[in-house]
Amino acid sequence: MWNDFPNAWAMDPPDHEAFLSIAQDTVRRYRGHPSIVVWCGANEGNPPGPVDDGMRAAVRAEAPDLLYQNNSAAGIVSGGGPYGWVEPDRYFSASTYGSGNFGFHTEIGMPVVSTAETLRRMVGDEPEWPIGGAWYYHDWSTRGNQAPQNYRAAVESRLDTSKDLDDFARKAQFVNYENFRAMFEAWNARLWQDASGLLLWMSHPAWYSTVWQTYDYDFDVNGAYYGARKAGEQVHVQTGPEDGRVIAVNHTPDRIAGATVSARYYDVSGRQVAPEQRQKLDLAPSATTEAFTAGWTDALPDFHLLRLRLTDARGALLSENTYWRYRDPYAMQALNKAQQTRVSVDITDTDGTGSRHELTARVTNRGSSVAAMVRLSLLDAKTGDRVLPTLYSDNYLWLLPGESRTVTASWPAGALASRPKLRLEGYNVPRATAQG
């Protein structure tokens, strides 16, 4: 936990003695908390000298083993965003950051449009579309750091103009997922060379919002959450957007010997469009290992899928990562012409004991084209309401024709009064449901 003192932008409190007394009491109150590792003197600024000295002394006296960092965005750390949408490949360039390097970066984020159900809760009884009214009140500020007009342009240049709120929300999840995955994969790509850590601004908002969130005020989860979680796997396989360099990332303290990285390429029909690439390698602890290059060739379609897999010496899957790649953003509109495909969902097991209940479901693409961004939602079978919060083992799935995936969902025992119902939907997938 990174704990800020109540100071920002080098403000000078009028009563130093009272301010520092509060600071000392705050450290004393929370010093036993096992998760606090940093006490920060000020948000994006240097506190005045006497105040800085007093806060530093309070940490030294009350929690001497913990770090005091006087400025959240300077010194041994860096900050300053970006806070708006940028092309995903820009996260991989040090020039994107004000400090000119990666380092330990304390704030990064962008606009994040939530699911349609959450957006309807946000606007209440006001018009939900077009954007206006309640959207502006909930942080859709075209004159702020978030610049949501650029985010919307990115969504619609990729998947065409949105017809209504539902259309915009489902298209936005592609950008949410892609960009948040890229943020953390950029740090993986430079791990220990010029990159050590990345903090999001922010994990979730204090009210319904259209920006800077990985999960929503009502605890629903959108594509940003799953993109960040994919890139943050303990053992991970990834590629770079510009050079196509494929690396395996091992954030564990253990060596992984005899692993295999593979890459396959598919068009939207699920047809393999290039030879598979494979490489055996050993993964050193807390390090990255290069496998091969999965670059563009003239033979590849302007829009295609790249499926990376990392398996251990026994063939067990350690990581799988599916990229949708395009020569230019407009090439993504091939998805708008993709054949509709039927995906079934079957609940195979339920567990209604303990403080958290759980179900296991089998999701299968029974059609003849790729199923794009398949999303599962747990509902109350009686009311049809979403069960929030629900934790899913995975979500926003890409499924090849005939491919199946097992997903678990768990929720607090008291959050569901009747039987569970699982709803499935995707970009080119009609809704389907299963009841437990």
Protein backbone atom coordinates (compact mmCIF):
# COMPACT_ATOMS: atom_id res chain seq x y z
CA MET A 1 0.00 0.00 0.00
CA TRP A 2 1.18 3.48 -0.93
CA ASN A 3 -0.13 5.85 1.75
CA ASP A 4 -0.20 9.60 1.08
CA PHE A 5 -0.11 12.26 3.75
CA PRO A 6 -2.77 14.98 3.28
CA ASN A 7 -0.64 17.26 1.14
CA ALA A 8 -0.58 17.94 -2.59
CA TRP A 9 1.28 20.13 -5.08
CA ALA A 10 3.64 21.63 -2.46
CA MET A 11 0.90 23.17 -0.32
CA ASP A 12 2.13 24.85 2.84
CA PRO A 13 -0.29 24.18 5.74
CA PRO A 14 -0.93 27.30 7.86
CA ASP A 15 -0.19 25.50 11.14
CA HIS A 16 2.89 23.28 10.84
CA GLU A 17 2.67 21.98 14.38
CA ALA A 18 -0.94 20.82 13.98
CA PHE A 19 -0.27 19.27 10.56
CA LEU A 20 2.78 17.34 11.73
CA SER A 21 0.97 16.17 14.84
CA ILE A 22 -1.71 14.66 12.60
CA ALA A 23 1.00 13.10 10.42
CA GLN A 24 2.66 11.46 13.41
CA ASP A 25 -0.66 10.17 14.75
CA THR A 26 -1.50 8.77 11.30
CA VAL A 27 1.76 6.83 11.07
CA ARG A 28 1.30 5.55 14.62
CA ARG A 29 -2.24 4.44 13.83
CA TYR A 30 -1.38 2.48 10.69
CA ARG A 31 2.22 1.41 11.27
CA GLY A 32 1.14 -2.13 12.17
CA HIS A 33 -0.69 -2.59 8.88
CA PRO A 34 1.21 -5.39 7.06
CA SER A 35 0.68 -3.95 3.56
CA ILE A 36 2.04 -0.41 3.93
CA VAL A 37 5.45 -0.11 2.27
CA VAL A 38 5.64 3.58 1.31
CA TRP A 39 4.66 6.81 3.09
CA CYS A 40 4.44 9.67 0.60
CA GLY A 41 4.83 13.30 1.65
CA ALA A 42 2.86 14.97 -1.15
CA ASN A 43 0.97 14.20 -4.33
CA GLU A 44 2.87 15.50 -7.37
CA GLY A 45 4.88 18.09 -5.52
CA ASN A 46 7.62 18.72 -2.99
CA PRO A 47 6.37 19.69 0.48
CA PRO A 48 7.89 22.83 2.01
CA GLY A 49 11.15 22.05 3.81
CA PRO A 50 9.98 22.13 7.45
CA VAL A 51 6.88 20.07 6.63
CA ASP A 52 8.93 17.59 4.60
CA ASP A 53 11.44 17.23 7.45
CA GLY A 54 8.64 16.73 9.98
CA MET A 55 6.87 13.99 7.99
CA ARG A 56 10.17 12.24 7.36
CA ALA A 57 10.96 12.36 11.06
CA ALA A 58 7.51 10.97 11.92
CA VAL A 59 8.06 7.95 9.68
CA ARG A 60 11.57 7.44 11.00
CA ALA A 61 10.33 7.55 14.60
CA GLU A 62 7.15 5.49 14.26
CA ALA A 63 7.88 3.13 11.31
CA PRO A 64 11.64 3.13 10.74
CA ASP A 65 11.63 0.14 8.36
CA LEU A 66 9.35 1.82 5.82
CA LEU A 67 10.25 4.15 2.97
CA TYR A 68 9.42 7.85 3.08
CA GLN A 69 9.09 9.26 -0.44
CA ASN A 70 8.48 13.01 -0.39
CA ASN A 71 7.05 13.40 -3.95
CA SER A 72 4.74 10.90 -5.66
CA ALA A 73 6.00 11.77 -9.14
CA ALA A 74 9.67 12.73 -8.80
CA GLY A 75 12.94 11.67 -7.27
CA ILE A 76 13.33 7.90 -7.36
CA VAL A 77 9.92 7.50 -9.03
CA SER A 78 8.22 8.97 -12.08
CA GLY A 79 4.63 9.94 -12.81
CA GLY A 80 2.45 12.19 -14.87
CA GLY A 81 0.40 9.78 -16.95
CA PRO A 82 -0.48 9.69 -19.74
CA TYR A 83 -4.06 10.08 -18.50
CA GLY A 84 -5.78 10.06 -21.89
CA TRP A 85 -5.95 7.46 -24.63
CA VAL A 86 -2.83 6.92 -26.72
CA GLU A 87 -2.08 4.37 -29.42
CA PRO A 88 -1.11 1.12 -27.63
CA ASP A 89 2.38 1.02 -29.15
CA ARG A 90 3.21 4.37 -27.54
CA TYR A 91 3.36 2.77 -24.10
CA PHE A 92 6.48 0.93 -25.29
CA SER A 93 8.35 4.20 -25.98
CA ALA A 94 10.14 6.07 -23.18
CA SER A 95 9.35 9.35 -24.96
CA THR A 96 5.68 8.90 -23.97
CA TYR A 97 6.56 9.67 -20.35
CA GLY A 98 7.55 13.09 -19.09
CA SER A 99 10.61 11.71 -17.34
CA GLY A 100 11.84 10.13 -20.58
CA ASN A 101 12.15 6.73 -18.94
CA PHE A 102 10.04 3.88 -17.52
CA GLY A 103 11.39 3.34 -13.98
CA PHE A 104 8.83 3.02 -11.18
CA HIS A 105 5.91 4.92 -12.67
CA THR A 106 3.25 5.98 -10.20
CA GLU A 107 0.31 7.10 -12.35
CA ILE A 108 -1.06 5.98 -15.71
CA GLY A 109 -4.60 5.67 -17.01
CA MET A 110 -7.17 6.62 -19.63
CA PRO A 111 -10.93 6.94 -20.17
CA VAL A 112 -12.77 3.67 -19.55
CA VAL A 113 -16.38 3.21 -20.64
CA SER A 114 -18.05 0.56 -18.51
CA THR A 115 -20.60 -2.07 -19.42
CA ALA A 116 -23.96 -0.88 -20.74
CA GLU A 117 -25.75 -1.94 -17.55
CA THR A 118 -23.42 0.14 -15.40
CA LEU A 119 -23.71 3.14 -17.71
CA ARG A 120 -27.49 3.02 -17.40
CA ARG A 121 -27.14 3.14 -13.64
CA MET A 122 -24.85 6.13 -14.07
CA VAL A 123 -27.25 8.20 -16.16
CA GLY A 124 -30.35 7.24 -14.13
CA ASP A 125 -33.46 8.74 -15.69
CA GLU A 126 -31.52 11.09 -17.98
CA PRO A 127 -31.10 10.33 -21.70
CA GLU A 128 -28.48 7.61 -22.11
CA TRP A 129 -27.50 8.47 -25.69
CA PRO A 130 -26.04 10.46 -27.32
CA ILE A 131 -23.27 11.40 -24.90
CA GLY A 132 -24.19 14.44 -22.83
CA GLY A 133 -25.83 15.46 -19.59
CA ALA A 134 -24.95 12.87 -16.96
CA TRP A 135 -21.90 11.76 -18.96
CA TYR A 136 -20.33 15.20 -18.48
CA TYR A 137 -21.19 15.18 -14.79
CA HIS A 138 -19.43 11.83 -14.48
CA ASP A 139 -16.04 12.90 -15.80
CA TRP A 140 -16.56 12.92 -19.58
CA SER A 141 -14.60 16.18 -19.63
CA THR A 142 -13.27 17.05 -23.07
CA ARG A 143 -11.11 19.80 -21.55
CA GLY A 144 -9.49 17.62 -18.89
CA ASN A 145 -6.43 15.37 -18.93
CA GLN A 146 -8.63 12.43 -19.91
CA ALA A 147 -9.61 13.88 -23.36
CA PRO A 148 -12.41 11.31 -23.87
CA GLN A 149 -13.06 12.63 -27.37
CA ASN A 150 -9.79 10.96 -28.44
CA TYR A 151 -10.85 7.72 -26.76
CA ARG A 152 -14.18 7.74 -28.55
CA ALA A 153 -12.42 8.43 -31.87
CA ALA A 154 -10.17 5.43 -31.23
CA VAL A 155 -13.16 3.18 -30.54
CA GLU A 156 -15.06 4.31 -33.62
CA SER A 157 -12.09 4.37 -36.01
CA ARG A 158 -11.60 0.71 -35.14
CA LEU A 159 -15.18 -0.53 -35.16
CA ASP A 160 -17.22 2.23 -36.88
CA THR A 161 -19.63 4.85 -35.52
CA SER A 162 -21.67 3.72 -32.52
CA LYS A 163 -25.43 3.51 -32.99
CA ASP A 164 -26.44 3.62 -29.33
CA LEU A 165 -25.17 3.07 -25.80
CA ASP A 166 -25.08 -0.74 -26.08
CA ASP A 167 -23.10 -0.54 -29.31
CA PHE A 168 -20.61 1.96 -27.89
CA ALA A 169 -20.10 0.02 -24.65
CA ARG A 170 -19.38 -3.29 -26.38
CA LYS A 171 -16.99 -1.67 -28.87
CA ALA A 172 -15.19 0.21 -26.09
CA GLN A 173 -14.17 -3.02 -24.39
CA PHE A 174 -11.73 -3.80 -27.23
CA VAL A 175 -9.89 -0.53 -26.60
CA ASN A 176 -10.09 -0.94 -22.81
CA TYR A 177 -8.57 -4.41 -22.94
CA GLU A 178 -5.95 -3.65 -25.58
CA ASN A 179 -4.59 -0.50 -23.95
CA PHE A 180 -4.44 -1.75 -20.37
CA ARG A 181 -2.71 -4.92 -21.50
CA ALA A 182 -0.21 -2.79 -23.44
CA MET A 183 0.55 -0.58 -20.41
CA PHE A 184 1.78 -3.49 -18.32
CA GLU A 185 3.36 -5.42 -21.17
CA ALA A 186 5.48 -2.35 -21.92
CA TRP A 187 6.93 -2.64 -18.42
CA ASN A 188 7.43 -6.39 -18.86
CA ALA A 189 9.32 -5.73 -22.09
CA ARG A 190 11.83 -3.51 -20.27
CA LEU A 191 11.87 -5.43 -16.99
CA TRP A 192 14.93 -4.50 -14.88
CA GLN A 193 16.51 -2.68 -17.83
CA ASP A 194 14.64 0.58 -17.29
CA ALA A 195 11.37 -0.60 -15.74
CA SER A 196 10.54 -1.82 -12.27
CA GLY A 197 6.90 -1.02 -11.45
CA LEU A 198 3.69 0.60 -12.66
CA LEU A 199 0.73 1.95 -10.69
CA LEU A 200 -2.65 2.74 -12.23
CA TRP A 201 -4.59 5.95 -11.84
CA MET A 202 -6.81 4.40 -10.76
CA SER A 203 -8.24 1.02 -9.79
CA HIS A 204 -11.82 2.20 -9.26
CA PRO A 205 -13.71 5.50 -8.87
CA ALA A 206 -15.52 6.92 -5.85
CA TRP A 207 -18.72 7.18 -7.90
CA TYR A 208 -19.96 6.19 -11.35
CA SER A 209 -17.40 7.42 -13.84
CA THR A 210 -16.38 7.29 -17.49
CA VAL A 211 -12.63 7.46 -16.86
CA TRP A 212 -9.74 5.91 -14.92
CA GLN A 213 -11.12 2.61 -13.69
CA THR A 214 -10.45 -1.10 -14.02
CA TYR A 215 -13.61 -2.13 -12.23
CA ASP A 216 -16.72 -0.08 -11.79
CA TYR A 217 -18.40 1.74 -8.91
CA ASP A 218 -21.03 -1.02 -8.74
CA PHE A 219 -18.27 -3.70 -8.87
CA ASP A 220 -18.97 -4.89 -12.40
CA VAL A 221 -15.82 -5.55 -14.43
CA ASN A 222 -14.98 -4.29 -17.91
CA GLY A 223 -12.30 -5.00 -20.48
CA ALA A 224 -9.70 -2.80 -18.75
CA TYR A 225 -9.60 -5.12 -15.74
CA TYR A 226 -9.00 -8.24 -17.81
CA GLY A 227 -6.40 -6.57 -20.03
CA ALA A 228 -4.42 -5.47 -16.98
CA ARG A 229 -4.82 -8.86 -15.35
CA LYS A 230 -3.68 -10.70 -18.47
CA ALA A 231 -0.46 -8.68 -18.69
CA GLY A 232 0.08 -9.02 -14.94
CA GLU A 233 0.20 -12.82 -14.89
CA GLN A 234 2.97 -14.26 -12.74
CA VAL A 235 4.10 -16.31 -15.72
CA HIS A 236 3.23 -14.67 -19.01
CA VAL A 237 3.88 -14.74 -22.75
CA GLN A 238 3.62 -11.59 -24.87
CA THR A 239 4.65 -9.82 -28.04
CA GLY A 240 5.55 -6.22 -28.82
CA PRO A 241 3.34 -4.14 -31.14
CA GLU A 242 6.17 -2.75 -33.22
CA ASP A 243 8.95 -5.33 -33.43
CA GLY A 244 6.88 -8.50 -32.88
CA ARG A 245 9.43 -9.74 -30.35
CA VAL A 246 7.90 -12.60 -28.36
CA ILE A 247 9.09 -13.00 -24.78
CA ALA A 248 8.24 -15.19 -21.82
CA VAL A 249 7.99 -13.35 -18.51
CA ASN A 250 8.65 -15.10 -15.21
CA HIS A 251 7.79 -12.98 -12.17
CA THR A 252 8.21 -15.92 -9.78
CA PRO A 253 11.35 -16.74 -7.75
CA ASP A 254 11.61 -20.17 -9.39
CA ARG A 255 13.37 -21.26 -12.57
CA ILE A 256 11.12 -22.90 -15.17
CA ALA A 257 13.06 -25.38 -17.28
CA GLY A 258 12.01 -26.93 -20.57
CA ALA A 259 9.15 -24.56 -21.39
CA THR A 260 7.78 -24.09 -24.91
CA VAL A 261 6.49 -20.91 -26.56
CA SER A 262 4.27 -21.24 -29.64
CA ALA A 263 2.56 -18.78 -31.98
CA ARG A 264 -0.34 -19.41 -34.36
CA TYR A 265 -2.05 -17.00 -36.75
CA TYR A 266 -5.76 -17.06 -37.66
CA ASP A 267 -8.17 -15.07 -39.78
CA VAL A 268 -11.70 -14.24 -38.57
CA SER A 269 -13.01 -17.54 -39.89
CA GLY A 270 -10.56 -19.41 -37.67
CA ARG A 271 -8.41 -20.56 -40.58
CA GLN A 272 -4.69 -20.76 -39.85
CA VAL A 273 -2.95 -18.29 -42.17
CA ALA A 274 0.74 -18.80 -41.38
CA PRO A 275 3.01 -21.61 -40.19
CA GLU A 276 3.18 -22.19 -36.44
CA GLN A 277 6.32 -21.01 -34.65
CA ARG A 278 7.72 -22.90 -31.65
CA GLN A 279 10.71 -22.46 -29.37
CA LYS A 280 11.91 -24.35 -26.30
CA LEU A 281 13.52 -22.29 -23.57
CA ASP A 282 14.34 -22.03 -19.89
CA LEU A 283 12.89 -19.17 -17.86
CA ALA A 284 15.15 -17.62 -15.26
CA PRO A 285 13.44 -16.36 -12.07
CA SER A 286 12.25 -12.76 -12.03
CA ALA A 287 13.34 -12.23 -15.62
CA THR A 288 12.27 -12.26 -19.26
CA THR A 289 13.44 -14.68 -21.94
CA GLU A 290 13.24 -14.00 -25.65
CA ALA A 291 11.70 -16.70 -27.87
CA PHE A 292 11.37 -15.47 -31.47
CA THR A 293 9.81 -12.72 -33.59
CA ALA A 294 6.15 -12.87 -34.63
CA GLY A 295 6.31 -10.02 -37.08
CA TRP A 296 4.11 -8.93 -39.93
CA THR A 297 4.50 -10.45 -43.39
CA ASP A 298 2.82 -9.52 -46.67
CA ALA A 299 0.90 -12.80 -46.56
CA LEU A 300 -0.91 -11.99 -43.30
CA PRO A 301 -4.42 -10.49 -43.51
CA ASP A 302 -4.76 -6.83 -42.57
CA PHE A 303 -6.72 -8.04 -39.53
CA HIS A 304 -5.89 -11.36 -37.88
CA LEU A 305 -5.45 -13.09 -34.54
CA LEU A 306 -2.11 -14.05 -33.03
CA ARG A 307 -2.46 -16.76 -30.37
CA LEU A 308 0.59 -17.18 -28.12
CA ARG A 309 0.91 -20.10 -25.72
CA LEU A 310 3.48 -20.91 -23.05
CA THR A 311 3.58 -24.48 -21.71
CA ASP A 312 5.81 -26.21 -19.18
CA ALA A 313 7.99 -29.27 -19.78
CA ARG A 314 4.98 -31.57 -19.30
CA GLY A 315 2.80 -29.62 -21.72
CA ALA A 316 0.67 -27.93 -19.04
CA LEU A 317 -0.51 -24.45 -20.03
CA LEU A 318 1.20 -21.62 -18.16
CA SER A 319 -0.07 -18.66 -20.18
CA GLU A 320 -2.18 -17.97 -23.26
CA ASN A 321 -2.48 -14.56 -24.88
CA THR A 322 -4.62 -13.70 -27.92
CA TYR A 323 -3.89 -10.51 -29.86
CA TRP A 324 -6.07 -8.96 -32.52
CA ARG A 325 -3.63 -7.31 -34.90
CA TYR A 326 -4.35 -4.75 -37.63
CA ARG A 327 -2.24 -2.91 -40.18
CA ASP A 328 -4.26 0.22 -39.46
CA PRO A 329 -7.16 0.78 -37.04
CA TYR A 330 -9.79 0.67 -39.79
CA ALA A 331 -8.81 -2.92 -40.57
CA MET A 332 -10.54 -3.94 -37.34
CA GLN A 333 -13.85 -3.26 -39.03
CA ALA A 334 -13.46 -6.72 -40.54
CA LEU A 335 -15.07 -7.84 -37.28
CA ASN A 336 -18.26 -6.03 -38.29
CA LYS A 337 -18.47 -8.34 -41.29
CA ALA A 338 -17.49 -11.49 -39.41
CA GLN A 339 -20.00 -14.31 -39.52
CA GLN A 340 -22.20 -14.66 -36.44
CA THR A 341 -21.26 -17.74 -34.46
CA ARG A 342 -23.13 -19.68 -31.79
CA VAL A 343 -21.40 -20.14 -28.44
CA SER A 344 -22.98 -22.42 -25.87
CA VAL A 345 -22.58 -22.21 -22.10
CA ASP A 346 -23.22 -25.11 -19.75
CA ILE A 347 -22.96 -25.01 -15.96
CA THR A 348 -21.10 -28.19 -15.05
CA ASP A 349 -20.74 -27.80 -11.28
CA THR A 350 -21.92 -25.60 -8.40
CA ASP A 351 -20.77 -25.22 -4.81
CA GLY A 352 -23.18 -23.51 -2.42
CA THR A 353 -21.16 -23.93 0.77
CA GLY A 354 -19.00 -21.50 2.71
CA SER A 355 -18.80 -17.74 2.62
CA ARG A 356 -18.38 -17.71 -1.15
CA HIS A 357 -20.42 -19.76 -3.59
CA GLU A 358 -19.04 -20.91 -6.92
CA LEU A 359 -20.01 -22.40 -10.25
CA THR A 360 -18.01 -23.89 -13.09
CA ALA A 361 -19.12 -23.46 -16.70
CA ARG A 362 -18.05 -24.84 -20.04
CA VAL A 363 -18.09 -22.37 -22.92
CA THR A 364 -17.90 -23.79 -26.46
CA ASN A 365 -17.80 -22.13 -29.87
CA ARG A 366 -20.13 -24.28 -31.97
CA GLY A 367 -19.98 -22.10 -35.06
CA SER A 368 -17.63 -21.80 -38.04
CA SER A 369 -15.98 -18.47 -37.27
CA VAL A 370 -14.00 -16.92 -34.44
CA ALA A 371 -16.07 -15.76 -31.45
CA ALA A 372 -14.83 -12.31 -30.42
CA MET A 373 -14.73 -10.92 -26.86
CA VAL A 374 -17.13 -13.40 -25.28
CA ARG A 375 -18.33 -12.01 -21.96
CA LEU A 376 -19.96 -13.91 -19.08
CA SER A 377 -22.24 -12.28 -16.52
CA LEU A 378 -23.73 -13.92 -13.43
CA LEU A 379 -27.41 -13.09 -12.92
CA ASP A 380 -30.07 -13.79 -10.33
CA ALA A 381 -32.36 -16.32 -12.05
CA LYS A 382 -35.44 -14.86 -10.37
CA THR A 383 -34.90 -11.13 -10.91
CA GLY A 384 -32.48 -11.10 -13.85
CA ASP A 385 -30.24 -8.64 -11.96
CA ARG A 386 -26.46 -8.88 -12.11
CA VAL A 387 -24.80 -10.47 -9.09
CA LEU A 388 -22.16 -7.99 -7.94
CA PRO A 389 -19.39 -8.44 -7.11
CA THR A 390 -18.64 -11.66 -8.98
CA LEU A 391 -15.11 -12.91 -9.59
CA TYR A 392 -14.50 -14.73 -12.88
CA SER A 393 -11.45 -16.86 -13.61
CA ASP A 394 -11.43 -15.30 -17.08
CA ASN A 395 -13.63 -13.16 -19.27
CA TYR A 396 -13.73 -11.38 -22.65
CA LEU A 397 -12.63 -14.57 -24.38
CA TRP A 398 -11.62 -15.25 -27.99
CA LEU A 399 -12.72 -18.72 -29.08
CA LEU A 400 -11.74 -20.48 -32.29
CA PRO A 401 -14.34 -22.68 -34.04
CA GLY A 402 -14.85 -25.81 -31.95
CA GLU A 403 -12.79 -24.45 -29.05
CA SER A 404 -13.99 -24.80 -25.45
CA ARG A 405 -12.97 -23.01 -22.28
CA THR A 406 -13.75 -23.73 -18.62
CA VAL A 407 -14.56 -20.66 -16.51
CA THR A 408 -15.35 -20.40 -12.81
CA ALA A 409 -17.41 -17.66 -11.17
CA SER A 410 -17.67 -17.00 -7.43
CA TRP A 411 -19.73 -14.56 -5.37
CA PRO A 412 -20.46 -13.69 -1.72
CA ALA A 413 -22.95 -16.16 -0.26
CA GLY A 414 -25.43 -13.42 0.61
CA ALA A 415 -25.37 -11.76 -2.83
CA LEU A 416 -27.68 -14.26 -4.53
CA ALA A 417 -31.03 -15.24 -3.06
CA SER A 418 -32.20 -17.59 -5.82
CA ARG A 419 -30.53 -19.88 -8.33
CA PRO A 420 -27.58 -18.60 -10.39
CA LYS A 421 -28.00 -17.87 -14.08
CA LEU A 422 -25.07 -17.34 -16.40
CA ARG A 423 -25.44 -15.06 -19.42
CA LEU A 424 -23.04 -15.18 -22.36
CA GLU A 425 -22.65 -12.60 -25.13
CA GLY A 426 -19.97 -11.56 -27.60
CA TYR A 427 -19.26 -9.12 -30.39
CA ASN A 428 -20.47 -11.54 -33.07
CA VAL A 429 -22.21 -13.93 -30.68
CA PRO A 430 -25.95 -13.98 -29.86
CA ARG A 431 -26.84 -14.08 -26.19
CA ALA A 432 -27.14 -17.48 -24.53
CA THR A 433 -27.94 -18.44 -20.93
CA ALA A 434 -27.55 -21.38 -18.60
CA GLN A 435 -29.19 -21.88 -15.20
CA GLY A 436 -27.69 -23.64 -12.23
